[in-house]
C-alpha atoms as a PDB file:
ATOM      1  CA  MET A   1     -27.686 -19.386   2.924  1.00  0.00           C
ATOM      2  CA  HIS A   2     -27.282 -20.803  -0.547  1.00  0.00           C
ATOM      3  CA  PRO A   3     -27.677 -19.244  -3.974  1.00  0.00           C
ATOM      4  CA  GLY A   4     -31.148 -20.586  -4.548  1.00  0.00           C
ATOM      5  CA  ASP A   5     -32.559 -19.350  -1.245  1.00  0.00           C
ATOM      6  CA  GLY A   6     -33.362 -15.846  -2.476  1.00  0.00           C
ATOM      7  CA  GLY A   7     -33.136 -14.441   1.051  1.00  0.00           C
ATOM      8  CA  ALA A   8     -33.394 -10.707   1.548  1.00  0.00           C
ATOM      9  CA  VAL A   9     -30.255  -8.653   2.071  1.00  0.00           C
ATOM     10  CA  THR A  10     -29.614  -5.141   3.263  1.00  0.00           C
ATOM     11  CA  ASP A  11     -29.995  -2.729   0.395  1.00  0.00           C
ATOM     12  CA  ARG A  12     -26.901  -0.603  -0.289  1.00  0.00           C
ATOM     13  CA  GLY A  13     -29.045   2.378  -1.325  1.00  0.00           C
ATOM     14  CA  GLY A  14     -32.231   4.142  -0.357  1.00  0.00           C
ATOM     15  CA  ARG A  15     -34.630   2.372  -2.714  1.00  0.00           C
ATOM     16  CA  PRO A  16     -35.997  -1.149  -2.231  1.00  0.00           C
ATOM     17  CA  PRO A  17     -33.809  -3.799  -3.876  1.00  0.00           C
ATOM     18  CA  VAL A  18     -35.049  -5.311  -7.114  1.00  0.00           C
ATOM     19  CA  THR A  19     -33.164  -8.595  -6.622  1.00  0.00           C
ATOM     20  CA  THR A  20     -31.022 -10.306  -3.980  1.00  0.00           C
ATOM     21  CA  ALA A  21     -27.272 -10.525  -3.602  1.00  0.00           C
ATOM     22  CA  HIS A  22     -27.361 -14.276  -4.165  1.00  0.00           C
ATOM     23  CA  GLU A  23     -29.415 -14.040  -7.327  1.00  0.00           C
ATOM     24  CA  LEU A  24     -27.111 -11.348  -8.664  1.00  0.00           C
ATOM     25  CA  ALA A  25     -24.033 -13.409  -7.760  1.00  0.00           C
ATOM     26  CA  THR A  26     -25.464 -16.410  -9.586  1.00  0.00           C
ATOM     27  CA  VAL A  27     -26.053 -14.365 -12.738  1.00  0.00           C
ATOM     28  CA  ALA A  28     -22.547 -12.918 -12.572  1.00  0.00           C
ATOM     29  CA  GLN A  29     -20.907 -16.275 -12.038  1.00  0.00           C
ATOM     30  CA  ARG A  30     -22.601 -17.729 -15.121  1.00  0.00           C
ATOM     31  CA  LEU A  31     -21.141 -14.886 -17.168  1.00  0.00           C
ATOM     32  CA  PHE A  32     -17.682 -15.370 -15.658  1.00  0.00           C
ATOM     33  CA  VAL A  33     -17.735 -19.052 -16.610  1.00  0.00           C
ATOM     34  CA  ALA A  34     -19.031 -18.390 -20.130  1.00  0.00           C
ATOM     35  CA  ALA A  35     -17.010 -15.295 -21.074  1.00  0.00           C
ATOM     36  CA  GLY A  36     -14.205 -15.155 -18.541  1.00  0.00           C
ATOM     37  CA  PHE A  37     -13.895 -13.008 -15.441  1.00  0.00           C
ATOM     38  CA  ASP A  38     -11.691 -10.329 -17.032  1.00  0.00           C
ATOM     39  CA  ASP A  39     -13.922 -10.016 -20.111  1.00  0.00           C
ATOM     40  CA  THR A  40     -17.149  -9.634 -18.119  1.00  0.00           C
ATOM     41  CA  SER A  41     -18.005  -6.069 -17.115  1.00  0.00           C
ATOM     42  CA  ILE A  42     -20.296  -4.802 -14.413  1.00  0.00           C
ATOM     43  CA  GLU A  43     -22.503  -3.489 -17.203  1.00  0.00           C
ATOM     44  CA  ASP A  44     -22.727  -7.030 -18.613  1.00  0.00           C
ATOM     45  CA  ILE A  45     -23.786  -8.368 -15.213  1.00  0.00           C
ATOM     46  CA  ALA A  46     -26.355  -5.629 -14.657  1.00  0.00           C
ATOM     47  CA  ARG A  47     -27.817  -6.133 -18.126  1.00  0.00           C
ATOM     48  CA  ALA A  48     -28.106  -9.903 -17.652  1.00  0.00           C
ATOM     49  CA  ALA A  49     -29.734  -9.397 -14.249  1.00  0.00           C
ATOM     50  CA  GLY A  50     -32.174  -6.830 -15.584  1.00  0.00           C
ATOM     51  CA  ILE A  51     -30.958  -4.111 -13.266  1.00  0.00           C
ATOM     52  CA  GLY A  52     -29.055  -0.852 -13.563  1.00  0.00           C
ATOM     53  CA  ARG A  53     -25.369  -0.338 -12.827  1.00  0.00           C
ATOM     54  CA  ARG A  54     -26.200   1.707  -9.727  1.00  0.00           C
ATOM     55  CA  THR A  55     -28.322  -1.148  -8.370  1.00  0.00           C
ATOM     56  CA  PHE A  56     -25.362  -3.522  -8.739  1.00  0.00           C
ATOM     57  CA  PHE A  57     -23.293  -1.269  -6.476  1.00  0.00           C
ATOM     58  CA  ARG A  58     -25.965  -1.404  -3.783  1.00  0.00           C
ATOM     59  CA  TYR A  59     -24.971  -5.014  -3.250  1.00  0.00           C
ATOM     60  CA  PHE A  60     -21.309  -5.253  -4.237  1.00  0.00           C
ATOM     61  CA  SER A  61     -18.407  -2.826  -4.350  1.00  0.00           C
ATOM     62  CA  THR A  62     -16.620  -4.706  -7.153  1.00  0.00           C
ATOM     63  CA  LYS A  63     -17.423  -7.543  -9.535  1.00  0.00           C
ATOM     64  CA  ALA A  64     -14.936  -9.740  -7.636  1.00  0.00           C
ATOM     65  CA  ASP A  65     -17.056  -9.483  -4.489  1.00  0.00           C
ATOM     66  CA  VAL A  66     -19.906 -11.462  -6.045  1.00  0.00           C
ATOM     67  CA  LEU A  67     -17.835 -14.660  -5.830  1.00  0.00           C
ATOM     68  CA  PHE A  68     -17.447 -14.246  -2.082  1.00  0.00           C
ATOM     69  CA  VAL A  69     -21.132 -13.780  -1.326  1.00  0.00           C
ATOM     70  CA  GLU A  70     -21.075 -16.970   0.805  1.00  0.00           C
ATOM     71  CA  SER A  71     -17.790 -16.278   2.580  1.00  0.00           C
ATOM     72  CA  ALA A  72     -19.136 -14.477   5.643  1.00  0.00           C
ATOM     73  CA  ALA A  73     -21.766 -17.161   6.287  1.00  0.00           C
ATOM     74  CA  GLU A  74     -19.188 -19.937   5.862  1.00  0.00           C
ATOM     75  CA  LEU A  75     -16.862 -18.217   8.309  1.00  0.00           C
ATOM     76  CA  ASP A  76     -19.682 -17.747  10.825  1.00  0.00           C
ATOM     77  CA  ARG A  77     -20.579 -21.442  10.600  1.00  0.00           C
ATOM     78  CA  LEU A  78     -16.961 -22.441  11.203  1.00  0.00           C
ATOM     79  CA  ARG A  79     -16.611 -20.105  14.172  1.00  0.00           C
ATOM     80  CA  GLU A  80     -19.904 -21.276  15.663  1.00  0.00           C
ATOM     81  CA  ALA A  81     -19.110 -24.978  15.283  1.00  0.00           C
ATOM     82  CA  LEU A  82     -15.665 -24.592  16.857  1.00  0.00           C
ATOM     83  CA  GLY A  83     -17.079 -22.457  19.653  1.00  0.00           C
ATOM     84  CA  GLN A  84     -19.691 -25.073  20.548  1.00  0.00           C
ATOM     85  CA  ALA A  85     -17.204 -27.934  20.776  1.00  0.00           C
ATOM     86  CA  ARG A  86     -16.820 -29.755  24.093  1.00  0.00           C
ATOM     87  CA  ARG A  87     -13.378 -29.474  25.657  1.00  0.00           C
ATOM     88  CA  GLU A  88     -13.144 -33.251  26.096  1.00  0.00           C
ATOM     89  CA  ASP A  89     -13.620 -33.939  22.368  1.00  0.00           C
ATOM     90  CA  PRO A  90     -10.440 -34.692  20.373  1.00  0.00           C
ATOM     91  CA  TYR A  91      -9.467 -31.503  18.628  1.00  0.00           C
ATOM     92  CA  ARG A  92      -8.980 -33.163  15.243  1.00  0.00           C
ATOM     93  CA  THR A  93     -12.501 -34.594  15.394  1.00  0.00           C
ATOM     94  CA  VAL A  94     -13.855 -31.154  16.259  1.00  0.00           C
ATOM     95  CA  VAL A  95     -12.003 -29.379  13.460  1.00  0.00           C
ATOM     96  CA  ILE A  96     -12.946 -31.935  10.800  1.00  0.00           C
ATOM     97  CA  ALA A  97     -16.619 -31.788  11.773  1.00  0.00           C
ATOM     98  CA  ALA A  98     -16.610 -27.981  11.914  1.00  0.00           C
ATOM     99  CA  VAL A  99     -14.924 -27.454   8.554  1.00  0.00           C
ATOM    100  CA  THR A 100     -17.077 -29.961   6.685  1.00  0.00           C
ATOM    101  CA  ALA A 101     -20.249 -28.504   8.216  1.00  0.00           C
ATOM    102  CA  ALA A 102     -19.224 -24.926   7.394  1.00  0.00           C
ATOM    103  CA  LEU A 103     -18.522 -25.762   3.740  1.00  0.00           C
ATOM    104  CA  ARG A 104     -21.267 -28.311   3.119  1.00  0.00           C
ATOM    105  CA  VAL A 105     -23.003 -27.802  -0.227  1.00  0.00           C
ATOM    106  CA  ARG A 106     -26.513 -28.910  -1.049  1.00  0.00           C
ATOM    107  CA  PRO A 107     -26.673 -31.398  -3.955  1.00  0.00           C
ATOM    108  CA  GLU A 108     -28.596 -28.944  -6.123  1.00  0.00           C
ATOM    109  CA  ASP A 109     -25.854 -26.329  -5.624  1.00  0.00           C
ATOM    110  CA  HIS A 110     -22.861 -28.531  -6.474  1.00  0.00           C
ATOM    111  CA  GLU A 111     -22.316 -27.121  -9.957  1.00  0.00           C
ATOM    112  CA  TRP A 112     -22.570 -23.532  -8.699  1.00  0.00           C
ATOM    113  CA  ALA A 113     -20.171 -24.197  -5.815  1.00  0.00           C
ATOM    114  CA  ARG A 114     -17.659 -26.054  -7.991  1.00  0.00           C
ATOM    115  CA  GLN A 115     -17.599 -23.251 -10.559  1.00  0.00           C
ATOM    116  CA  ARG A 116     -17.218 -20.684  -7.805  1.00  0.00           C
ATOM    117  CA  ALA A 117     -14.263 -22.570  -6.313  1.00  0.00           C
ATOM    118  CA  GLN A 118     -12.604 -22.948  -9.697  1.00  0.00           C
ATOM    119  CA  LEU A 119     -12.878 -19.234 -10.401  1.00  0.00           C
ATOM    120  CA  ILE A 120     -11.551 -18.246  -6.979  1.00  0.00           C
ATOM    121  CA  LEU A 121      -8.605 -20.629  -7.177  1.00  0.00           C
ATOM    122  CA  THR A 122      -7.571 -19.976 -10.787  1.00  0.00           C
ATOM    123  CA  VAL A 123      -8.336 -16.372 -11.772  1.00  0.00           C
ATOM    124  CA  PRO A 124      -5.308 -14.133 -11.042  1.00  0.00           C
ATOM    125  CA  ALA A 125      -7.440 -11.007 -10.635  1.00  0.00           C
ATOM    126  CA  LEU A 126      -9.260 -12.638  -7.696  1.00  0.00           C
ATOM    127  CA  GLN A 127      -6.216 -13.582  -5.648  1.00  0.00           C
ATOM    128  CA  ALA A 128      -6.032 -10.391  -3.576  1.00  0.00           C
ATOM    129  CA  HIS A 129      -9.691 -10.757  -2.602  1.00  0.00           C
ATOM    130  CA  ALA A 130      -9.211 -14.450  -1.908  1.00  0.00           C
ATOM    131  CA  ALA A 131      -6.167 -13.828   0.294  1.00  0.00           C
ATOM    132  CA  VAL A 132      -8.255 -11.712   2.668  1.00  0.00           C
ATOM    133  CA  ARG A 133     -10.884 -14.458   3.047  1.00  0.00           C
ATOM    134  CA  PHE A 134      -8.242 -17.167   3.386  1.00  0.00           C
ATOM    135  CA  ALA A 135      -6.542 -15.219   6.187  1.00  0.00           C
ATOM    136  CA  GLN A 136      -9.852 -14.912   8.048  1.00  0.00           C
ATOM    137  CA  TRP A 137     -10.465 -18.661   7.693  1.00  0.00           C
ATOM    138  CA  ARG A 138      -6.971 -19.461   8.976  1.00  0.00           C
ATOM    139  CA  ARG A 139      -7.333 -17.020  11.871  1.00  0.00           C
ATOM    140  CA  VAL A 140     -10.526 -18.620  13.189  1.00  0.00           C
ATOM    141  CA  ALA A 141      -8.890 -22.056  13.246  1.00  0.00           C
ATOM    142  CA  THR A 142      -5.795 -20.657  14.937  1.00  0.00           C
ATOM    143  CA  GLU A 143      -7.845 -18.958  17.648  1.00  0.00           C
ATOM    144  CA  TYR A 144      -9.655 -22.217  18.350  1.00  0.00           C
ATOM    145  CA  ALA A 145      -6.343 -24.065  18.688  1.00  0.00           C
ATOM    146  CA  ARG A 146      -5.020 -21.416  21.080  1.00  0.00           C
ATOM    147  CA  GLY A 147      -7.825 -22.331  23.452  1.00  0.00           C
ATOM    148  CA  LEU A 148      -6.761 -25.962  23.706  1.00  0.00           C
ATOM    149  CA  GLU A 149      -4.946 -27.172  26.801  1.00  0.00           C
ATOM    150  CA  SER A 150      -1.142 -27.434  26.761  1.00  0.00           C
ATOM    151  CA  VAL A 151      -0.825 -25.882  23.319  1.00  0.00           C
ATOM    152  CA  ASP A 152       1.964 -23.502  22.403  1.00  0.00           C
ATOM    153  CA  GLU A 153       1.737 -20.736  19.828  1.00  0.00           C
ATOM    154  CA  LEU A 154       3.554 -22.656  17.098  1.00  0.00           C
ATOM    155  CA  PHE A 155       1.119 -25.548  17.384  1.00  0.00           C
ATOM    156  CA  ALA A 156      -1.876 -23.178  17.151  1.00  0.00           C
ATOM    157  CA  VAL A 157      -0.434 -21.455  14.085  1.00  0.00           C
ATOM    158  CA  ALA A 158       0.268 -24.847  12.487  1.00  0.00           C
ATOM    159  CA  VAL A 159      -3.374 -25.848  13.014  1.00  0.00           C
ATOM    160  CA  GLY A 160      -4.572 -22.657  11.334  1.00  0.00           C
ATOM    161  CA  HIS A 161      -2.362 -23.151   8.325  1.00  0.00           C
ATOM    162  CA  ALA A 162      -3.260 -26.843   8.111  1.00  0.00           C
ATOM    163  CA  VAL A 163      -6.973 -26.041   8.050  1.00  0.00           C
ATOM    164  CA  LEU A 164      -6.523 -23.540   5.228  1.00  0.00           C
ATOM    165  CA  ALA A 165      -4.214 -25.836   3.240  1.00  0.00           C
ATOM    166  CA  ALA A 166      -6.583 -28.781   3.630  1.00  0.00           C
ATOM    167  CA  THR A 167      -9.557 -26.670   2.565  1.00  0.00           C
ATOM    168  CA  LEU A 168      -7.824 -25.466  -0.595  1.00  0.00           C
ATOM    169  CA  ALA A 169      -6.454 -28.916  -1.452  1.00  0.00           C
ATOM    170  CA  ALA A 170      -9.857 -30.540  -0.977  1.00  0.00           C
ATOM    171  CA  HIS A 171     -11.495 -28.037  -3.303  1.00  0.00           C
ATOM    172  CA  GLU A 172      -8.789 -28.547  -5.922  1.00  0.00           C
ATOM    173  CA  HIS A 173      -9.450 -32.291  -5.765  1.00  0.00           C
ATOM    174  CA  TRP A 174     -13.211 -31.737  -5.953  1.00  0.00           C
ATOM    175  CA  ILE A 175     -12.827 -29.522  -9.022  1.00  0.00           C
ATOM    176  CA  SER A 176     -10.642 -32.014 -10.873  1.00  0.00           C
ATOM    177  CA  HIS A 177     -12.763 -35.030  -9.855  1.00  0.00           C
ATOM    178  CA  PRO A 178     -16.415 -34.003 -10.503  1.00  0.00           C
ATOM    179  CA  GLY A 179     -17.798 -37.278  -9.172  1.00  0.00           C
ATOM    180  CA  SER A 180     -16.049 -36.924  -5.816  1.00  0.00           C
ATOM    181  CA  ASP A 181     -17.641 -35.829  -2.538  1.00  0.00           C
ATOM    182  CA  LEU A 182     -16.463 -32.532  -1.042  1.00  0.00           C
ATOM    183  CA  ASP A 183     -17.160 -33.586   2.549  1.00  0.00           C
ATOM    184  CA  GLU A 184     -15.037 -36.704   2.104  1.00  0.00           C
ATOM    185  CA  ALA A 185     -12.230 -34.757   0.447  1.00  0.00           C
ATOM    186  CA  LEU A 186     -12.214 -32.185   3.249  1.00  0.00           C
ATOM    187  CA  ALA A 187     -12.159 -34.842   5.966  1.00  0.00           C
ATOM    188  CA  ARG A 188      -9.364 -36.785   4.286  1.00  0.00           C
ATOM    189  CA  MET A 189      -7.190 -33.711   3.672  1.00  0.00           C
ATOM    190  CA  LEU A 190      -7.653 -32.569   7.262  1.00  0.00           C
ATOM    191  CA  GLU A 191      -6.726 -36.016   8.548  1.00  0.00           C
ATOM    192  CA  LEU A 192      -3.532 -35.846   6.513  1.00  0.00           C
ATOM    193  CA  LEU A 193      -2.507 -32.297   7.411  1.00  0.00           C
ATOM    194  CA  LEU A 194      -3.654 -31.565  10.974  1.00  0.00           C
ATOM    195  CA  PRO A 195      -0.956 -32.122  13.626  1.00  0.00           C
ATOM    196  CA  PRO A 196      -1.574 -35.389  15.524  1.00  0.00           C
ATOM    197  CA  GLU A 197      -3.165 -35.265  18.963  1.00  0.00           C
ATOM    198  CA  GLY A 198       0.084 -36.386  20.581  1.00  0.00           C
ATOM    199  CA  THR A 199       2.381 -33.973  18.763  1.00  0.00           C
ATOM    200  CA  PRO A 200       5.100 -32.769  21.189  1.00  0.00           C
ATOM    201  CA  ARG A 201       4.550 -29.127  21.977  1.00  0.00           C
ATOM    202  CA  ARG A 202       7.588 -27.282  23.314  1.00  0.00           C
ATOM    203  CA  PRO A 203       7.517 -23.607  24.230  1.00  0.00           C
ATOM    204  CA  ALA A 204       9.331 -21.357  21.789  1.00  0.00           C
ATOM    205  CA  THR A 205      12.568 -19.732  22.857  1.00  0.00           C
ATOM    206  CA  GLY A 206      12.840 -16.015  23.348  1.00  0.00           C
ATOM    207  CA  ASP A 207      13.880 -15.475  19.739  1.00  0.00           C
ATOM    208  CA  GLY A 208      10.641 -17.065  18.537  1.00  0.00           C
ATOM    209  CA  VAL A 209      12.241 -20.319  17.324  1.00  0.00           C
ATOM    210  CA  ALA A 210      11.408 -23.643  18.952  1.00  0.00           C
ATOM    211  CA  ARG A 211      14.653 -25.582  19.520  1.00  0.00           C
ATOM    212  CA  SER A 212      15.207 -29.296  19.898  1.00  0.00           C
ATOM    213  CA  PRO A 213      17.039 -30.717  22.941  1.00  0.00           C
ATOM    214  CA  ARG A 214      20.168 -31.028  20.779  1.00  0.00           C
ATOM    215  CA  ASP A 215      20.167 -27.254  20.290  1.00  0.00           C
ATOM    216  CA  ALA A 216      20.152 -26.562  24.018  1.00  0.00           C
END
């Protein structure tokens, strides 16, 4: 779902909702960009949306949550795409296709998505919220890698971290280069950071550290 879809959401209270979570998030984000996240209050958001403060809390627990309104859907798309992959497909091809599909932005939503990414990546007050979402993103990629044949735990963890690092780096590039394409940036960053198909994978020793033959 994208901000302009206006799809219904579950109301957080007993009365029918007067707006949608996506519409409310869009209003809030405009205020964050114009006035700054720290200087925008929940009352400011509610007033701009034409709703009461209590209605705001039916959709979001905090004002930071409005910037992560897409996160659950993005994570579901990533998990679904990885889960549908054929075992014979090269894992790097699968991961690149899954990540780009999960984060694909419609042309009409580019400005909204770029502003959202910039806020999430640069506002200190959002980092605790972002860390939770980033960990979920990394975990899904790691779990996929664990299901590959002849893969040890260190390789799977490396894949998870590479996916997260590539995602963040691609968005940073997209923010600083407005004419660039997010799909292309994601694919290129993943190509650079994902472990190669033929990476040697040795089992870790009992102390949790993989040793080279020279250490034996």
